[in-house]
Amino acid sequence: MAALDWSGGPVNIVDDDPAPAHEWLPALAKALGVPTPGPVTGRQEWERGALNALARGRGWQPEWPTWRAGFAAQCDIP
């Protein structure tokens, strides 16, 4: 909600652990009890998730510091 008062432009609202989908998506699929999606072609191995530095610089903090902590808290996984 705080982002609604910020000046225009894109701001990433993400946790502190940038990760490519091939890391977090299998954990989410397992937590939800669904099959893990297959790999997507055309991605570079070095690609990673978004950074939240701009949002943090404006005073925002994630509820969960990492996707692992959030998944564990919300989906009862270790």
N, C-alpha and C. Protein backbone atom coordinates (compact mmCIF):
# COMPACT_ATOMS: atom_id res chain seq x y z
N MET A 1 0.82 -1.18 0.00
CA MET A 1 0.00 0.00 0.00
C MET A 1 0.87 1.26 0.00
N ALA A 2 2.02 1.19 0.68
CA ALA A 2 2.89 2.36 0.75
C ALA A 2 3.34 2.79 -0.63
N ALA A 3 3.50 1.85 -1.54
CA ALA A 3 3.98 2.17 -2.89
C ALA A 3 3.01 3.07 -3.65
N LEU A 4 1.76 3.10 -3.26
CA LEU A 4 0.79 3.95 -3.95
C LEU A 4 1.13 5.43 -3.80
N ASP A 5 1.86 5.78 -2.76
CA ASP A 5 2.23 7.18 -2.54
C ASP A 5 3.59 7.55 -3.13
N TRP A 6 4.31 6.58 -3.69
CA TRP A 6 5.62 6.85 -4.27
C TRP A 6 5.47 7.48 -5.64
N SER A 7 6.52 8.18 -6.06
CA SER A 7 6.51 8.76 -7.41
C SER A 7 6.45 7.63 -8.44
N GLY A 8 6.06 7.98 -9.67
CA GLY A 8 5.87 6.99 -10.72
C GLY A 8 7.12 6.21 -11.07
N GLY A 9 6.93 5.13 -11.78
CA GLY A 9 8.02 4.28 -12.23
C GLY A 9 7.97 2.91 -11.58
N PRO A 10 8.66 1.95 -12.19
CA PRO A 10 8.63 0.59 -11.66
C PRO A 10 9.45 0.43 -10.40
N VAL A 11 8.91 -0.32 -9.45
CA VAL A 11 9.59 -0.64 -8.20
C VAL A 11 9.31 -2.12 -7.94
N ASN A 12 10.37 -2.89 -7.70
CA ASN A 12 10.20 -4.31 -7.40
C ASN A 12 9.84 -4.51 -5.94
N ILE A 13 8.72 -5.18 -5.71
CA ILE A 13 8.30 -5.52 -4.36
C ILE A 13 8.53 -7.02 -4.23
N VAL A 14 9.73 -7.35 -3.76
CA VAL A 14 10.18 -8.74 -3.67
C VAL A 14 10.96 -8.93 -2.37
N ASP A 15 11.26 -10.19 -2.04
CA ASP A 15 12.01 -10.46 -0.82
C ASP A 15 13.50 -10.15 -0.99
N ASP A 16 14.30 -10.51 0.00
CA ASP A 16 15.73 -10.21 0.00
C ASP A 16 16.58 -11.30 -0.63
N ASP A 17 15.97 -12.31 -1.23
CA ASP A 17 16.71 -13.44 -1.78
C ASP A 17 16.38 -13.62 -3.26
N PRO A 18 16.99 -12.79 -4.12
CA PRO A 18 16.70 -12.93 -5.55
C PRO A 18 17.02 -14.36 -6.00
N ALA A 19 16.09 -14.99 -6.65
CA ALA A 19 16.29 -16.38 -7.07
C ALA A 19 15.60 -16.62 -8.40
N PRO A 20 16.24 -17.41 -9.25
CA PRO A 20 15.59 -17.78 -10.50
C PRO A 20 14.43 -18.74 -10.24
N ALA A 21 13.51 -18.79 -11.14
CA ALA A 21 12.33 -19.63 -10.97
C ALA A 21 12.69 -21.10 -10.79
N HIS A 22 13.79 -21.56 -11.40
CA HIS A 22 14.12 -22.99 -11.27
C HIS A 22 14.51 -23.35 -9.83
N GLU A 23 14.75 -22.36 -8.97
CA GLU A 23 15.01 -22.64 -7.56
C GLU A 23 13.72 -22.61 -6.72
N TRP A 24 12.92 -21.56 -6.87
CA TRP A 24 11.76 -21.41 -5.99
C TRP A 24 10.51 -22.11 -6.49
N LEU A 25 10.36 -22.28 -7.81
CA LEU A 25 9.13 -22.87 -8.33
C LEU A 25 8.95 -24.33 -7.91
N PRO A 26 10.00 -25.18 -7.91
CA PRO A 26 9.80 -26.54 -7.41
C PRO A 26 9.35 -26.58 -5.94
N ALA A 27 9.89 -25.69 -5.11
CA ALA A 27 9.49 -25.65 -3.70
C ALA A 27 8.03 -25.23 -3.56
N LEU A 28 7.61 -24.27 -4.36
CA LEU A 28 6.21 -23.84 -4.31
C LEU A 28 5.30 -24.95 -4.81
N ALA A 29 5.67 -25.60 -5.90
CA ALA A 29 4.85 -26.69 -6.43
C ALA A 29 4.71 -27.81 -5.39
N LYS A 30 5.82 -28.15 -4.71
CA LYS A 30 5.77 -29.19 -3.68
C LYS A 30 4.84 -28.77 -2.54
N ALA A 31 4.96 -27.52 -2.11
CA ALA A 31 4.12 -27.02 -1.02
C ALA A 31 2.64 -27.05 -1.39
N LEU A 32 2.34 -26.81 -2.65
CA LEU A 32 0.96 -26.79 -3.11
C LEU A 32 0.45 -28.18 -3.51
N GLY A 33 1.39 -29.15 -3.56
CA GLY A 33 1.00 -30.51 -3.94
C GLY A 33 0.67 -30.66 -5.40
N VAL A 34 1.35 -29.89 -6.23
CA VAL A 34 1.12 -29.96 -7.67
C VAL A 34 2.43 -30.32 -8.37
N PRO A 35 2.37 -30.81 -9.60
CA PRO A 35 3.60 -31.16 -10.31
C PRO A 35 4.47 -29.92 -10.58
N THR A 36 5.76 -30.14 -10.56
CA THR A 36 6.69 -29.06 -10.88
C THR A 36 6.64 -28.80 -12.38
N PRO A 37 6.47 -27.54 -12.79
CA PRO A 37 6.47 -27.24 -14.23
C PRO A 37 7.82 -27.57 -14.85
N GLY A 38 7.81 -27.88 -16.11
CA GLY A 38 9.04 -28.17 -16.83
C GLY A 38 9.85 -26.91 -17.07
N PRO A 39 11.09 -27.07 -17.48
CA PRO A 39 11.95 -25.90 -17.73
C PRO A 39 11.46 -25.07 -18.92
N VAL A 40 11.77 -23.80 -18.87
CA VAL A 40 11.42 -22.87 -19.94
C VAL A 40 12.67 -22.61 -20.75
N THR A 41 12.59 -22.80 -22.05
CA THR A 41 13.76 -22.55 -22.89
C THR A 41 13.91 -21.06 -23.14
N GLY A 42 15.11 -20.65 -23.50
CA GLY A 42 15.36 -19.25 -23.82
C GLY A 42 15.86 -18.43 -22.66
N ARG A 43 15.99 -19.01 -21.50
CA ARG A 43 16.50 -18.29 -20.33
C ARG A 43 17.99 -18.55 -20.18
N GLN A 44 18.69 -17.58 -19.67
CA GLN A 44 20.11 -17.73 -19.39
C GLN A 44 20.27 -18.28 -17.97
N GLU A 45 21.26 -19.13 -17.75
CA GLU A 45 21.47 -19.72 -16.43
C GLU A 45 21.78 -18.68 -15.36
N TRP A 46 22.39 -17.56 -15.76
CA TRP A 46 22.78 -16.55 -14.78
C TRP A 46 21.63 -15.64 -14.39
N GLU A 47 20.50 -15.72 -15.07
CA GLU A 47 19.38 -14.85 -14.74
C GLU A 47 18.88 -15.15 -13.33
N ARG A 48 18.47 -14.11 -12.64
CA ARG A 48 17.97 -14.27 -11.29
C ARG A 48 16.78 -13.36 -11.07
N GLY A 49 16.23 -13.42 -9.91
CA GLY A 49 15.05 -12.63 -9.59
C GLY A 49 15.35 -11.15 -9.46
N ALA A 50 14.33 -10.40 -9.20
CA ALA A 50 14.42 -8.95 -9.09
C ALA A 50 15.02 -8.52 -7.75
N LEU A 51 15.56 -7.32 -7.71
CA LEU A 51 16.11 -6.74 -6.49
C LEU A 51 15.14 -5.74 -5.89
N ASN A 52 15.13 -5.61 -4.58
CA ASN A 52 14.19 -4.71 -3.91
C ASN A 52 14.85 -3.46 -3.34
N ALA A 53 16.05 -3.12 -3.81
CA ALA A 53 16.81 -2.00 -3.23
C ALA A 53 16.04 -0.68 -3.31
N LEU A 54 15.37 -0.41 -4.40
CA LEU A 54 14.64 0.85 -4.52
C LEU A 54 13.49 0.91 -3.51
N ALA A 55 12.74 -0.16 -3.39
CA ALA A 55 11.63 -0.18 -2.43
C ALA A 55 12.16 -0.06 -1.00
N ARG A 56 13.24 -0.77 -0.69
CA ARG A 56 13.83 -0.67 0.66
C ARG A 56 14.34 0.75 0.92
N GLY A 57 14.89 1.38 -0.10
CA GLY A 57 15.36 2.75 0.03
C GLY A 57 14.24 3.73 0.31
N ARG A 58 13.03 3.33 0.02
CA ARG A 58 11.85 4.17 0.27
C ARG A 58 11.14 3.76 1.56
N GLY A 59 11.79 2.89 2.36
CA GLY A 59 11.23 2.53 3.65
C GLY A 59 10.45 1.23 3.71
N TRP A 60 10.29 0.56 2.58
CA TRP A 60 9.53 -0.69 2.56
C TRP A 60 10.38 -1.84 3.08
N GLN A 61 9.75 -2.80 3.75
CA GLN A 61 10.41 -4.03 4.19
C GLN A 61 9.50 -5.20 3.88
N PRO A 62 10.07 -6.32 3.41
CA PRO A 62 9.23 -7.48 3.13
C PRO A 62 8.71 -8.12 4.42
N GLU A 63 7.54 -8.69 4.35
CA GLU A 63 7.01 -9.40 5.52
C GLU A 63 7.89 -10.59 5.85
N TRP A 64 8.36 -11.30 4.84
CA TRP A 64 9.26 -12.43 5.00
C TRP A 64 10.57 -12.06 4.33
N PRO A 65 11.72 -12.23 4.99
CA PRO A 65 12.99 -11.81 4.40
C PRO A 65 13.40 -12.62 3.17
N THR A 66 12.96 -13.88 3.09
CA THR A 66 13.29 -14.69 1.92
C THR A 66 12.07 -15.49 1.50
N TRP A 67 12.09 -15.93 0.26
CA TRP A 67 10.99 -16.76 -0.23
C TRP A 67 10.94 -18.07 0.55
N ARG A 68 12.09 -18.57 0.97
CA ARG A 68 12.12 -19.82 1.74
C ARG A 68 11.36 -19.65 3.07
N ALA A 69 11.61 -18.55 3.76
CA ALA A 69 10.93 -18.29 5.03
C ALA A 69 9.42 -18.11 4.81
N GLY A 70 9.05 -17.40 3.78
CA GLY A 70 7.64 -17.18 3.48
C GLY A 70 6.92 -18.46 3.12
N PHE A 71 7.55 -19.29 2.26
CA PHE A 71 6.93 -20.57 1.90
C PHE A 71 6.78 -21.44 3.13
N ALA A 72 7.83 -21.50 3.97
CA ALA A 72 7.78 -22.34 5.16
C ALA A 72 6.68 -21.90 6.11
N ALA A 73 6.53 -20.60 6.27
CA ALA A 73 5.52 -20.07 7.19
C ALA A 73 4.10 -20.25 6.63
N GLN A 74 3.94 -20.09 5.35
CA GLN A 74 2.61 -20.11 4.76
C GLN A 74 2.18 -21.48 4.27
N CYS A 75 3.14 -22.37 4.01
CA CYS A 75 2.79 -23.66 3.40
C CYS A 75 3.21 -24.84 4.25
N ASP A 76 3.69 -24.60 5.47
CA ASP A 76 4.10 -25.68 6.36
C ASP A 76 5.14 -26.61 5.74
N ILE A 77 6.19 -26.00 5.15
CA ILE A 77 7.30 -26.80 4.62
C ILE A 77 8.56 -26.39 5.35
N PRO A 78 9.54 -27.28 5.43
CA PRO A 78 10.79 -26.94 6.13
C PRO A 78 11.64 -25.95 5.36
